[in-house]
Amino acid sequence: MTDSSPDEPGNGIAHQAPEVTYEIGADELPSEAVVRATTALTNTPVIELDPLYDVVDPVHLDGVFRESNSRTIHEEKSVTFRFNECLISVTRSTAFYAAG
């Protein structure tokens, strides 16, 4: 996970929530990565998170990024949604988060 904060002191940019990039592991499902990264970002135990399926169907989320023999596997896909007060954008290899 990497952090970046675009609002350095004195640059005149309004405060924005920190952004975090979580690299999805080769053997990790996107739905698992969302939950794992959200626990790390919010410092909340997984048992205390709202269920992911209240926001997005985990099976369908994983299916969007599942490799197949079709030509569409090389297209850049992304899914964006709010989960446990975080804005999440998932791509094939990363999940980007902004708290708040």
PDB file of N, CA and C in Angstrom:
ATOM      1  N   MET A   1       0.839  -1.164   0.000  1.00  0.00           N
ATOM      2  CA  MET A   1       0.000   0.000   0.000  1.00  0.00           C
ATOM      3  C   MET A   1       0.892   1.236   0.000  1.00  0.00           C
ATOM      4  N   THR A   2       0.523   2.242  -0.775  1.00  0.00           N
ATOM      5  CA  THR A   2       1.278   3.481  -0.789  1.00  0.00           C
ATOM      6  C   THR A   2       0.347   4.642  -0.536  1.00  0.00           C
ATOM      7  N   ASP A   3       0.838   5.638   0.163  1.00  0.00           N
ATOM      8  CA  ASP A   3       0.050   6.830   0.472  1.00  0.00           C
ATOM      9  C   ASP A   3       0.548   7.990  -0.374  1.00  0.00           C
ATOM     10  N   SER A   4      -0.366   8.917  -0.674  1.00  0.00           N
ATOM     11  CA  SER A   4       0.025  10.176  -1.295  1.00  0.00           C
ATOM     12  C   SER A   4      -0.946  11.237  -0.825  1.00  0.00           C
ATOM     13  N   SER A   5      -0.410  12.395  -0.519  1.00  0.00           N
ATOM     14  CA  SER A   5      -1.252  13.507  -0.090  1.00  0.00           C
ATOM     15  C   SER A   5      -0.892  14.723  -0.918  1.00  0.00           C
ATOM     16  N   PRO A   6      -1.816  15.152  -1.803  1.00  0.00           N
ATOM     17  CA  PRO A   6      -1.503  16.242  -2.727  1.00  0.00           C
ATOM     18  C   PRO A   6      -1.475  17.615  -2.086  1.00  0.00           C
ATOM     19  N   ASP A   7      -1.822  17.751  -0.809  1.00  0.00           N
ATOM     20  CA  ASP A   7      -1.908  19.091  -0.243  1.00  0.00           C
ATOM     21  C   ASP A   7      -0.755  19.384   0.718  1.00  0.00           C
ATOM     22  N   GLU A   8       0.380  19.686   0.165  1.00  0.00           N
ATOM     23  CA  GLU A   8       1.537  20.079   0.958  1.00  0.00           C
ATOM     24  C   GLU A   8       1.297  21.474   1.519  1.00  0.00           C
ATOM     25  N   PRO A   9       1.833  21.786   2.699  1.00  0.00           N
ATOM     26  CA  PRO A   9       1.639  23.117   3.284  1.00  0.00           C
ATOM     27  C   PRO A   9       2.101  24.225   2.345  1.00  0.00           C
ATOM     28  N   GLY A  10       1.265  25.255   2.246  1.00  0.00           N
ATOM     29  CA  GLY A  10       1.645  26.420   1.459  1.00  0.00           C
ATOM     30  C   GLY A  10       1.367  26.329  -0.020  1.00  0.00           C
ATOM     31  N   ASN A  11       0.762  25.246  -0.509  1.00  0.00           N
ATOM     32  CA  ASN A  11       0.544  25.162  -1.946  1.00  0.00           C
ATOM     33  C   ASN A  11      -0.834  25.657  -2.369  1.00  0.00           C
ATOM     34  N   GLY A  12      -1.670  26.093  -1.398  1.00  0.00           N
ATOM     35  CA  GLY A  12      -2.957  26.679  -1.728  1.00  0.00           C
ATOM     36  C   GLY A  12      -4.031  25.688  -2.109  1.00  0.00           C
ATOM     37  N   ILE A  13      -3.782  24.402  -2.015  1.00  0.00           N
ATOM     38  CA  ILE A  13      -4.773  23.392  -2.362  1.00  0.00           C
ATOM     39  C   ILE A  13      -5.575  23.050  -1.114  1.00  0.00           C
ATOM     40  N   ALA A  14      -6.880  22.992  -1.248  1.00  0.00           N
ATOM     41  CA  ALA A  14      -7.737  22.648  -0.118  1.00  0.00           C
ATOM     42  C   ALA A  14      -7.440  21.228   0.340  1.00  0.00           C
ATOM     43  N   HIS A  15      -7.651  20.959   1.626  1.00  0.00           N
ATOM     44  CA  HIS A  15      -7.379  19.648   2.177  1.00  0.00           C
ATOM     45  C   HIS A  15      -8.228  18.582   1.488  1.00  0.00           C
ATOM     46  N   GLN A  16      -7.585  17.500   1.090  1.00  0.00           N
ATOM     47  CA  GLN A  16      -8.258  16.357   0.500  1.00  0.00           C
ATOM     48  C   GLN A  16      -7.928  15.128   1.333  1.00  0.00           C
ATOM     49  N   ALA A  17      -8.803  14.140   1.303  1.00  0.00           N
ATOM     50  CA  ALA A  17      -8.547  12.908   2.026  1.00  0.00           C
ATOM     51  C   ALA A  17      -7.325  12.219   1.428  1.00  0.00           C
ATOM     52  N   PRO A  18      -6.542  11.540   2.258  1.00  0.00           N
ATOM     53  CA  PRO A  18      -5.379  10.831   1.723  1.00  0.00           C
ATOM     54  C   PRO A  18      -5.822   9.721   0.778  1.00  0.00           C
ATOM     55  N   GLU A  19      -5.040   9.510  -0.248  1.00  0.00           N
ATOM     56  CA  GLU A  19      -5.320   8.432  -1.190  1.00  0.00           C
ATOM     57  C   GLU A  19      -4.356   7.295  -0.918  1.00  0.00           C
ATOM     58  N   VAL A  20      -4.857   6.086  -1.028  1.00  0.00           N
ATOM     59  CA  VAL A  20      -4.050   4.898  -0.789  1.00  0.00           C
ATOM     60  C   VAL A  20      -4.209   3.979  -1.984  1.00  0.00           C
ATOM     61  N   THR A  21      -3.100   3.428  -2.457  1.00  0.00           N
ATOM     62  CA  THR A  21      -3.135   2.449  -3.530  1.00  0.00           C
ATOM     63  C   THR A  21      -2.778   1.095  -2.948  1.00  0.00           C
ATOM     64  N   TYR A  22      -3.630   0.123  -3.151  1.00  0.00           N
ATOM     65  CA  TYR A  22      -3.414  -1.230  -2.666  1.00  0.00           C
ATOM     66  C   TYR A  22      -3.204  -2.129  -3.873  1.00  0.00           C
ATOM     67  N   GLU A  23      -2.055  -2.769  -3.938  1.00  0.00           N
ATOM     68  CA  GLU A  23      -1.767  -3.688  -5.038  1.00  0.00           C
ATOM     69  C   GLU A  23      -2.466  -5.016  -4.758  1.00  0.00           C
ATOM     70  N   ILE A  24      -3.325  -5.452  -5.663  1.00  0.00           N
ATOM     71  CA  ILE A  24      -4.035  -6.713  -5.500  1.00  0.00           C
ATOM     72  C   ILE A  24      -3.075  -7.852  -5.847  1.00  0.00           C
ATOM     73  N   GLY A  25      -2.925  -8.801  -4.927  1.00  0.00           N
ATOM     74  CA  GLY A  25      -2.024  -9.934  -5.124  1.00  0.00           C
ATOM     75  C   GLY A  25      -2.488 -10.839  -6.250  1.00  0.00           C
ATOM     76  N   ALA A  26      -1.563 -11.580  -6.824  1.00  0.00           N
ATOM     77  CA  ALA A  26      -1.859 -12.470  -7.949  1.00  0.00           C
ATOM     78  C   ALA A  26      -2.910 -13.518  -7.597  1.00  0.00           C
ATOM     79  N   ASP A  27      -2.907 -13.990  -6.363  1.00  0.00           N
ATOM     80  CA  ASP A  27      -3.857 -15.019  -5.928  1.00  0.00           C
ATOM     81  C   ASP A  27      -4.991 -14.445  -5.089  1.00  0.00           C
ATOM     82  N   GLU A  28      -5.186 -13.131  -5.141  1.00  0.00           N
ATOM     83  CA  GLU A  28      -6.181 -12.463  -4.312  1.00  0.00           C
ATOM     84  C   GLU A  28      -7.357 -12.010  -5.173  1.00  0.00           C
ATOM     85  N   LEU A  29      -8.562 -12.263  -4.721  1.00  0.00           N
ATOM     86  CA  LEU A  29      -9.747 -11.792  -5.417  1.00  0.00           C
ATOM     87  C   LEU A  29      -9.943 -10.301  -5.135  1.00  0.00           C
ATOM     88  N   PRO A  30     -10.455  -9.546  -6.108  1.00  0.00           N
ATOM     89  CA  PRO A  30     -10.691  -8.120  -5.871  1.00  0.00           C
ATOM     90  C   PRO A  30     -11.565  -7.857  -4.640  1.00  0.00           C
ATOM     91  N   SER A  31     -12.585  -8.676  -4.421  1.00  0.00           N
ATOM     92  CA  SER A  31     -13.451  -8.470  -3.256  1.00  0.00           C
ATOM     93  C   SER A  31     -12.678  -8.648  -1.955  1.00  0.00           C
ATOM     94  N   GLU A  32     -11.760  -9.603  -1.909  1.00  0.00           N
ATOM     95  CA  GLU A  32     -10.921  -9.800  -0.726  1.00  0.00           C
ATOM     96  C   GLU A  32      -9.993  -8.614  -0.533  1.00  0.00           C
ATOM     97  N   ALA A  33      -9.439  -8.115  -1.627  1.00  0.00           N
ATOM     98  CA  ALA A  33      -8.524  -6.974  -1.561  1.00  0.00           C
ATOM     99  C   ALA A  33      -9.239  -5.734  -1.034  1.00  0.00           C
ATOM    100  N   VAL A  34     -10.485  -5.521  -1.463  1.00  0.00           N
ATOM    101  CA  VAL A  34     -11.258  -4.370  -0.991  1.00  0.00           C
ATOM    102  C   VAL A  34     -11.422  -4.431   0.519  1.00  0.00           C
ATOM    103  N   VAL A  35     -11.808  -5.574   1.033  1.00  0.00           N
ATOM    104  CA  VAL A  35     -12.015  -5.715   2.473  1.00  0.00           C
ATOM    105  C   VAL A  35     -10.704  -5.577   3.228  1.00  0.00           C
ATOM    106  N   ARG A  36      -9.655  -6.239   2.759  1.00  0.00           N
ATOM    107  CA  ARG A  36      -8.358  -6.200   3.432  1.00  0.00           C
ATOM    108  C   ARG A  36      -7.792  -4.774   3.460  1.00  0.00           C
ATOM    109  N   ALA A  37      -7.854  -4.089   2.350  1.00  0.00           N
ATOM    110  CA  ALA A  37      -7.326  -2.724   2.284  1.00  0.00           C
ATOM    111  C   ALA A  37      -8.178  -1.752   3.095  1.00  0.00           C
ATOM    112  N   THR A  38      -9.488  -1.967   3.126  1.00  0.00           N
ATOM    113  CA  THR A  38     -10.359  -1.091   3.907  1.00  0.00           C
ATOM    114  C   THR A  38     -10.071  -1.229   5.393  1.00  0.00           C
ATOM    115  N   THR A  39      -9.809  -2.439   5.856  1.00  0.00           N
ATOM    116  CA  THR A  39      -9.462  -2.618   7.269  1.00  0.00           C
ATOM    117  C   THR A  39      -8.176  -1.877   7.596  1.00  0.00           C
ATOM    118  N   ALA A  40      -7.217  -1.927   6.684  1.00  0.00           N
ATOM    119  CA  ALA A  40      -5.944  -1.238   6.913  1.00  0.00           C
ATOM    120  C   ALA A  40      -6.119   0.282   6.875  1.00  0.00           C
ATOM    121  N   LEU A  41      -6.876   0.781   5.913  1.00  0.00           N
ATOM    122  CA  LEU A  41      -7.059   2.227   5.763  1.00  0.00           C
ATOM    123  C   LEU A  41      -7.839   2.832   6.916  1.00  0.00           C
ATOM    124  N   THR A  42      -8.881   2.139   7.353  1.00  0.00           N
ATOM    125  CA  THR A  42      -9.740   2.688   8.393  1.00  0.00           C
ATOM    126  C   THR A  42      -9.331   2.240   9.789  1.00  0.00           C
ATOM    127  N   ASN A  43      -8.361   1.334   9.863  1.00  0.00           N
ATOM    128  CA  ASN A  43      -7.923   0.779  11.145  1.00  0.00           C
ATOM    129  C   ASN A  43      -9.115   0.170  11.895  1.00  0.00           C
ATOM    130  N   THR A  44      -9.942  -0.548  11.144  1.00  0.00           N
ATOM    131  CA  THR A  44     -11.151  -1.169  11.675  1.00  0.00           C
ATOM    132  C   THR A  44     -11.038  -2.685  11.502  1.00  0.00           C
ATOM    133  N   PRO A  45     -11.283  -3.452  12.552  1.00  0.00           N
ATOM    134  CA  PRO A  45     -11.279  -4.908  12.396  1.00  0.00           C
ATOM    135  C   PRO A  45     -12.332  -5.349  11.376  1.00  0.00           C
ATOM    136  N   VAL A  46     -12.028  -6.368  10.619  1.00  0.00           N
ATOM    137  CA  VAL A  46     -12.923  -6.828   9.558  1.00  0.00           C
ATOM    138  C   VAL A  46     -14.317  -7.148  10.097  1.00  0.00           C
ATOM    139  N   ILE A  47     -14.411  -7.644  11.292  1.00  0.00           N
ATOM    140  CA  ILE A  47     -15.702  -7.997  11.894  1.00  0.00           C
ATOM    141  C   ILE A  47     -16.576  -6.762  12.133  1.00  0.00           C
ATOM    142  N   GLU A  48     -15.952  -5.582  12.207  1.00  0.00           N
ATOM    143  CA  GLU A  48     -16.694  -4.344  12.458  1.00  0.00           C
ATOM    144  C   GLU A  48     -17.051  -3.580  11.183  1.00  0.00           C
ATOM    145  N   LEU A  49     -16.565  -4.022  10.030  1.00  0.00           N
ATOM    146  CA  LEU A  49     -16.917  -3.378   8.764  1.00  0.00           C
ATOM    147  C   LEU A  49     -18.348  -3.730   8.382  1.00  0.00           C
ATOM    148  N   ASP A  50     -19.005  -2.816   7.668  1.00  0.00           N
ATOM    149  CA  ASP A  50     -20.286  -3.158   7.058  1.00  0.00           C
ATOM    150  C   ASP A  50     -20.005  -4.225   5.999  1.00  0.00           C
ATOM    151  N   PRO A  51     -20.953  -5.124   5.745  1.00  0.00           N
ATOM    152  CA  PRO A  51     -20.714  -6.159   4.734  1.00  0.00           C
ATOM    153  C   PRO A  51     -20.530  -5.559   3.338  1.00  0.00           C
ATOM    154  N   LEU A  52     -19.571  -6.070   2.609  1.00  0.00           N
ATOM    155  CA  LEU A  52     -19.328  -5.605   1.241  1.00  0.00           C
ATOM    156  C   LEU A  52     -20.569  -5.810   0.384  1.00  0.00           C
ATOM    157  N   TYR A  53     -21.287  -6.914   0.574  1.00  0.00           N
ATOM    158  CA  TYR A  53     -22.456  -7.202  -0.251  1.00  0.00           C
ATOM    159  C   TYR A  53     -23.598  -6.217  -0.059  1.00  0.00           C
ATOM    160  N   ASP A  54     -23.519  -5.347   0.975  1.00  0.00           N
ATOM    161  CA  ASP A  54     -24.509  -4.280   1.115  1.00  0.00           C
ATOM    162  C   ASP A  54     -24.308  -3.195   0.061  1.00  0.00           C
ATOM    163  N   VAL A  55     -23.108  -3.158  -0.518  1.00  0.00           N
ATOM    164  CA  VAL A  55     -22.760  -2.106  -1.479  1.00  0.00           C
ATOM    165  C   VAL A  55     -22.600  -2.660  -2.894  1.00  0.00           C
ATOM    166  N   VAL A  56     -21.921  -3.788  -3.005  1.00  0.00           N
ATOM    167  CA  VAL A  56     -21.647  -4.392  -4.304  1.00  0.00           C
ATOM    168  C   VAL A  56     -21.606  -5.910  -4.128  1.00  0.00           C
ATOM    169  N   ASP A  57     -22.072  -6.633  -5.117  1.00  0.00           N
ATOM    170  CA  ASP A  57     -22.045  -8.093  -5.056  1.00  0.00           C
ATOM    171  C   ASP A  57     -20.600  -8.558  -5.252  1.00  0.00           C
ATOM    172  N   PRO A  58     -19.987  -9.172  -4.229  1.00  0.00           N
ATOM    173  CA  PRO A  58     -18.585  -9.592  -4.337  1.00  0.00           C
ATOM    174  C   PRO A  58     -18.334 -10.554  -5.501  1.00  0.00           C
ATOM    175  N   VAL A  59     -19.274 -11.434  -5.788  1.00  0.00           N
ATOM    176  CA  VAL A  59     -19.112 -12.385  -6.896  1.00  0.00           C
ATOM    177  C   VAL A  59     -19.056 -11.639  -8.225  1.00  0.00           C
ATOM    178  N   HIS A  60     -19.917 -10.650  -8.383  1.00  0.00           N
ATOM    179  CA  HIS A  60     -19.900  -9.875  -9.626  1.00  0.00           C
ATOM    180  C   HIS A  60     -18.653  -8.998  -9.720  1.00  0.00           C
ATOM    181  N   LEU A  61     -18.231  -8.422  -8.599  1.00  0.00           N
ATOM    182  CA  LEU A  61     -17.001  -7.625  -8.598  1.00  0.00           C
ATOM    183  C   LEU A  61     -15.824  -8.476  -9.054  1.00  0.00           C
ATOM    184  N   ASP A  62     -15.699  -9.667  -8.499  1.00  0.00           N
ATOM    185  CA  ASP A  62     -14.617 -10.573  -8.902  1.00  0.00           C
ATOM    186  C   ASP A  62     -14.753 -10.964 -10.371  1.00  0.00           C
ATOM    187  N   GLY A  63     -16.002 -11.162 -10.821  1.00  0.00           N
ATOM    188  CA  GLY A  63     -16.244 -11.562 -12.204  1.00  0.00           C
ATOM    189  C   GLY A  63     -15.860 -10.507 -13.224  1.00  0.00           C
ATOM    190  N   VAL A  64     -15.973  -9.250 -12.859  1.00  0.00           N
ATOM    191  CA  VAL A  64     -15.598  -8.166 -13.780  1.00  0.00           C
ATOM    192  C   VAL A  64     -14.125  -8.285 -14.173  1.00  0.00           C
ATOM    193  N   PHE A  65     -13.301  -8.742 -13.236  1.00  0.00           N
ATOM    194  CA  PHE A  65     -11.864  -8.778 -13.480  1.00  0.00           C
ATOM    195  C   PHE A  65     -11.327 -10.181 -13.747  1.00  0.00           C
ATOM    196  N   ARG A  66     -12.210 -11.164 -13.833  1.00  0.00           N
ATOM    197  CA  ARG A  66     -11.791 -12.535 -14.114  1.00  0.00           C
ATOM    198  C   ARG A  66     -11.296 -12.624 -15.550  1.00  0.00           C
ATOM    199  N   GLU A  67     -10.188 -13.302 -15.725  1.00  0.00           N
ATOM    200  CA  GLU A  67      -9.647 -13.461 -17.071  1.00  0.00           C
ATOM    201  C   GLU A  67     -10.456 -14.491 -17.825  1.00  0.00           C
ATOM    202  N   SER A  68     -10.600 -14.255 -19.103  1.00  0.00           N
ATOM    203  CA  SER A  68     -11.298 -15.200 -19.976  1.00  0.00           C
ATOM    204  C   SER A  68     -10.566 -15.235 -21.311  1.00  0.00           C
ATOM    205  N   ASN A  69     -11.058 -16.009 -22.212  1.00  0.00           N
ATOM    206  CA  ASN A  69     -10.420 -16.108 -23.532  1.00  0.00           C
ATOM    207  C   ASN A  69     -10.895 -15.024 -24.491  1.00  0.00           C
ATOM    208  N   SER A  70     -11.780 -14.164 -24.037  1.00  0.00           N
ATOM    209  CA  SER A  70     -12.287 -13.125 -24.938  1.00  0.00           C
ATOM    210  C   SER A  70     -11.267 -12.000 -25.100  1.00  0.00           C
ATOM    211  N   ARG A  71     -11.490 -11.190 -26.098  1.00  0.00           N
ATOM    212  CA  ARG A  71     -10.600 -10.064 -26.353  1.00  0.00           C
ATOM    213  C   ARG A  71     -10.754  -8.967 -25.313  1.00  0.00           C
ATOM    214  N   THR A  72     -11.787  -8.999 -24.525  1.00  0.00           N
ATOM    215  CA  THR A  72     -12.044  -7.927 -23.570  1.00  0.00           C
ATOM    216  C   THR A  72     -11.110  -7.955 -22.371  1.00  0.00           C
ATOM    217  N   ILE A  73     -10.313  -9.015 -22.188  1.00  0.00           N
ATOM    218  CA  ILE A  73      -9.457  -9.082 -21.005  1.00  0.00           C
ATOM    219  C   ILE A  73      -8.379  -8.012 -21.024  1.00  0.00           C
ATOM    220  N   HIS A  74      -8.073  -7.461 -22.181  1.00  0.00           N
ATOM    221  CA  HIS A  74      -7.031  -6.441 -22.263  1.00  0.00           C
ATOM    222  C   HIS A  74      -7.587  -5.029 -22.123  1.00  0.00           C
ATOM    223  N   GLU A  75      -8.905  -4.905 -22.062  1.00  0.00           N
ATOM    224  CA  GLU A  75      -9.511  -3.597 -21.850  1.00  0.00           C
ATOM    225  C   GLU A  75      -9.312  -3.168 -20.404  1.00  0.00           C
ATOM    226  N   GLU A  76      -9.103  -1.889 -20.191  1.00  0.00           N
ATOM    227  CA  GLU A  76      -8.985  -1.369 -18.825  1.00  0.00           C
ATOM    228  C   GLU A  76     -10.385  -1.211 -18.258  1.00  0.00           C
ATOM    229  N   LYS A  77     -10.645  -1.904 -17.181  1.00  0.00           N
ATOM    230  CA  LYS A  77     -11.944  -1.844 -16.521  1.00  0.00           C
ATOM    231  C   LYS A  77     -11.747  -1.254 -15.144  1.00  0.00           C
ATOM    232  N   SER A  78     -12.770  -0.576 -14.639  1.00  0.00           N
ATOM    233  CA  SER A  78     -12.728  -0.098 -13.262  1.00  0.00           C
ATOM    234  C   SER A  78     -14.143  -0.076 -12.702  1.00  0.00           C
ATOM    235  N   VAL A  79     -14.225  -0.259 -11.400  1.00  0.00           N
ATOM    236  CA  VAL A  79     -15.485  -0.198 -10.671  1.00  0.00           C
ATOM    237  C   VAL A  79     -15.263   0.746  -9.495  1.00  0.00           C
ATOM    238  N   THR A  80     -16.144   1.727  -9.321  1.00  0.00           N
ATOM    239  CA  THR A  80     -16.005   2.705  -8.246  1.00  0.00           C
ATOM    240  C   THR A  80     -17.264   2.693  -7.391  1.00  0.00           C
ATOM    241  N   PHE A  81     -17.068   2.705  -6.072  1.00  0.00           N
ATOM    242  CA  PHE A  81     -18.189   2.699  -5.140  1.00  0.00           C
ATOM    243  C   PHE A  81     -17.717   3.164  -3.772  1.00  0.00           C
ATOM    244  N   ARG A  82     -18.677   3.439  -2.880  1.00  0.00           N
ATOM    245  CA  ARG A  82     -18.377   3.805  -1.493  1.00  0.00           C
ATOM    246  C   ARG A  82     -18.543   2.578  -0.623  1.00  0.00           C
ATOM    247  N   PHE A  83     -17.591   2.377   0.297  1.00  0.00           N
ATOM    248  CA  PHE A  83     -17.635   1.244   1.220  1.00  0.00           C
ATOM    249  C   PHE A  83     -17.020   1.689   2.528  1.00  0.00           C
ATOM    250  N   ASN A  84     -17.798   1.620   3.608  1.00  0.00           N
ATOM    251  CA  ASN A  84     -17.335   2.003   4.940  1.00  0.00           C
ATOM    252  C   ASN A  84     -16.661   3.372   4.941  1.00  0.00           C
ATOM    253  N   GLU A  85     -17.358   4.350   4.369  1.00  0.00           N
ATOM    254  CA  GLU A  85     -16.923   5.742   4.331  1.00  0.00           C
ATOM    255  C   GLU A  85     -15.643   5.970   3.518  1.00  0.00           C
ATOM    256  N   CYS A  86     -15.337   5.050   2.618  1.00  0.00           N
ATOM    257  CA  CYS A  86     -14.182   5.196   1.723  1.00  0.00           C
ATOM    258  C   CYS A  86     -14.686   5.175   0.284  1.00  0.00           C
ATOM    259  N   LEU A  87     -14.107   6.012  -0.549  1.00  0.00           N
ATOM    260  CA  LEU A  87     -14.376   5.958  -1.976  1.00  0.00           C
ATOM    261  C   LEU A  87     -13.365   4.998  -2.571  1.00  0.00           C
ATOM    262  N   ILE A  88     -13.837   3.956  -3.236  1.00  0.00           N
ATOM    263  CA  ILE A  88     -12.977   2.888  -3.722  1.00  0.00           C
ATOM    264  C   ILE A  88     -13.107   2.782  -5.231  1.00  0.00           C
ATOM    265  N   SER A  89     -11.985   2.681  -5.902  1.00  0.00           N
ATOM    266  CA  SER A  89     -11.960   2.447  -7.340  1.00  0.00           C
ATOM    267  C   SER A  89     -11.051   1.253  -7.588  1.00  0.00           C
ATOM    268  N   VAL A  90     -11.613   0.194  -8.142  1.00  0.00           N
ATOM    269  CA  VAL A  90     -10.875  -1.048  -8.350  1.00  0.00           C
ATOM    270  C   VAL A  90     -10.566  -1.216  -9.830  1.00  0.00           C
ATOM    271  N   THR A  91      -9.309  -1.586 -10.137  1.00  0.00           N
ATOM    272  CA  THR A  91      -8.915  -1.977 -11.484  1.00  0.00           C
ATOM    273  C   THR A  91      -8.370  -3.407 -11.399  1.00  0.00           C
ATOM    274  N   ARG A  92      -7.897  -3.942 -12.486  1.00  0.00           N
ATOM    275  CA  ARG A  92      -7.407  -5.324 -12.509  1.00  0.00           C
ATOM    276  C   ARG A  92      -6.319  -5.570 -11.466  1.00  0.00           C
ATOM    277  N   SER A  93      -5.416  -4.623 -11.243  1.00  0.00           N
ATOM    278  CA  SER A  93      -4.280  -4.875 -10.352  1.00  0.00           C
ATOM    279  C   SER A  93      -4.246  -4.011  -9.111  1.00  0.00           C
ATOM    280  N   THR A  94      -5.112  -2.995  -9.037  1.00  0.00           N
ATOM    281  CA  THR A  94      -5.049  -2.091  -7.885  1.00  0.00           C
ATOM    282  C   THR A  94      -6.433  -1.696  -7.403  1.00  0.00           C
ATOM    283  N   ALA A  95      -6.455  -1.282  -6.159  1.00  0.00           N
ATOM    284  CA  ALA A  95      -7.653  -0.684  -5.585  1.00  0.00           C
ATOM    285  C   ALA A  95      -7.230   0.651  -4.994  1.00  0.00           C
ATOM    286  N   PHE A  96      -7.831   1.742  -5.424  1.00  0.00           N
ATOM    287  CA  PHE A  96      -7.496   3.073  -4.952  1.00  0.00           C
ATOM    288  C   PHE A  96      -8.543   3.507  -3.937  1.00  0.00           C
ATOM    289  N   TYR A  97      -8.104   4.109  -2.850  1.00  0.00           N
ATOM    290  CA  TYR A  97      -9.000   4.503  -1.769  1.00  0.00           C
ATOM    291  C   TYR A  97      -8.793   5.956  -1.412  1.00  0.00           C
ATOM    292  N   ALA A  98      -9.870   6.605  -1.069  1.00  0.00           N
ATOM    293  CA  ALA A  98      -9.816   7.924  -0.454  1.00  0.00           C
ATOM    294  C   ALA A  98     -10.744   7.873   0.750  1.00  0.00           C
ATOM    295  N   ALA A  99     -10.204   8.128   1.915  1.00  0.00           N
ATOM    296  CA  ALA A  99     -11.016   8.082   3.129  1.00  0.00           C
ATOM    297  C   ALA A  99     -11.931   9.294   3.191  1.00  0.00           C
ATOM    298  N   GLY A 100     -13.096   9.089   3.756  1.00  0.00           N
ATOM    299  CA  GLY A 100     -14.023  10.190   3.994  1.00  0.00           C
ATOM    300  C   GLY A 100     -14.940  10.506   2.887  1.00  0.00           C
TER     301      GLY A 100
END
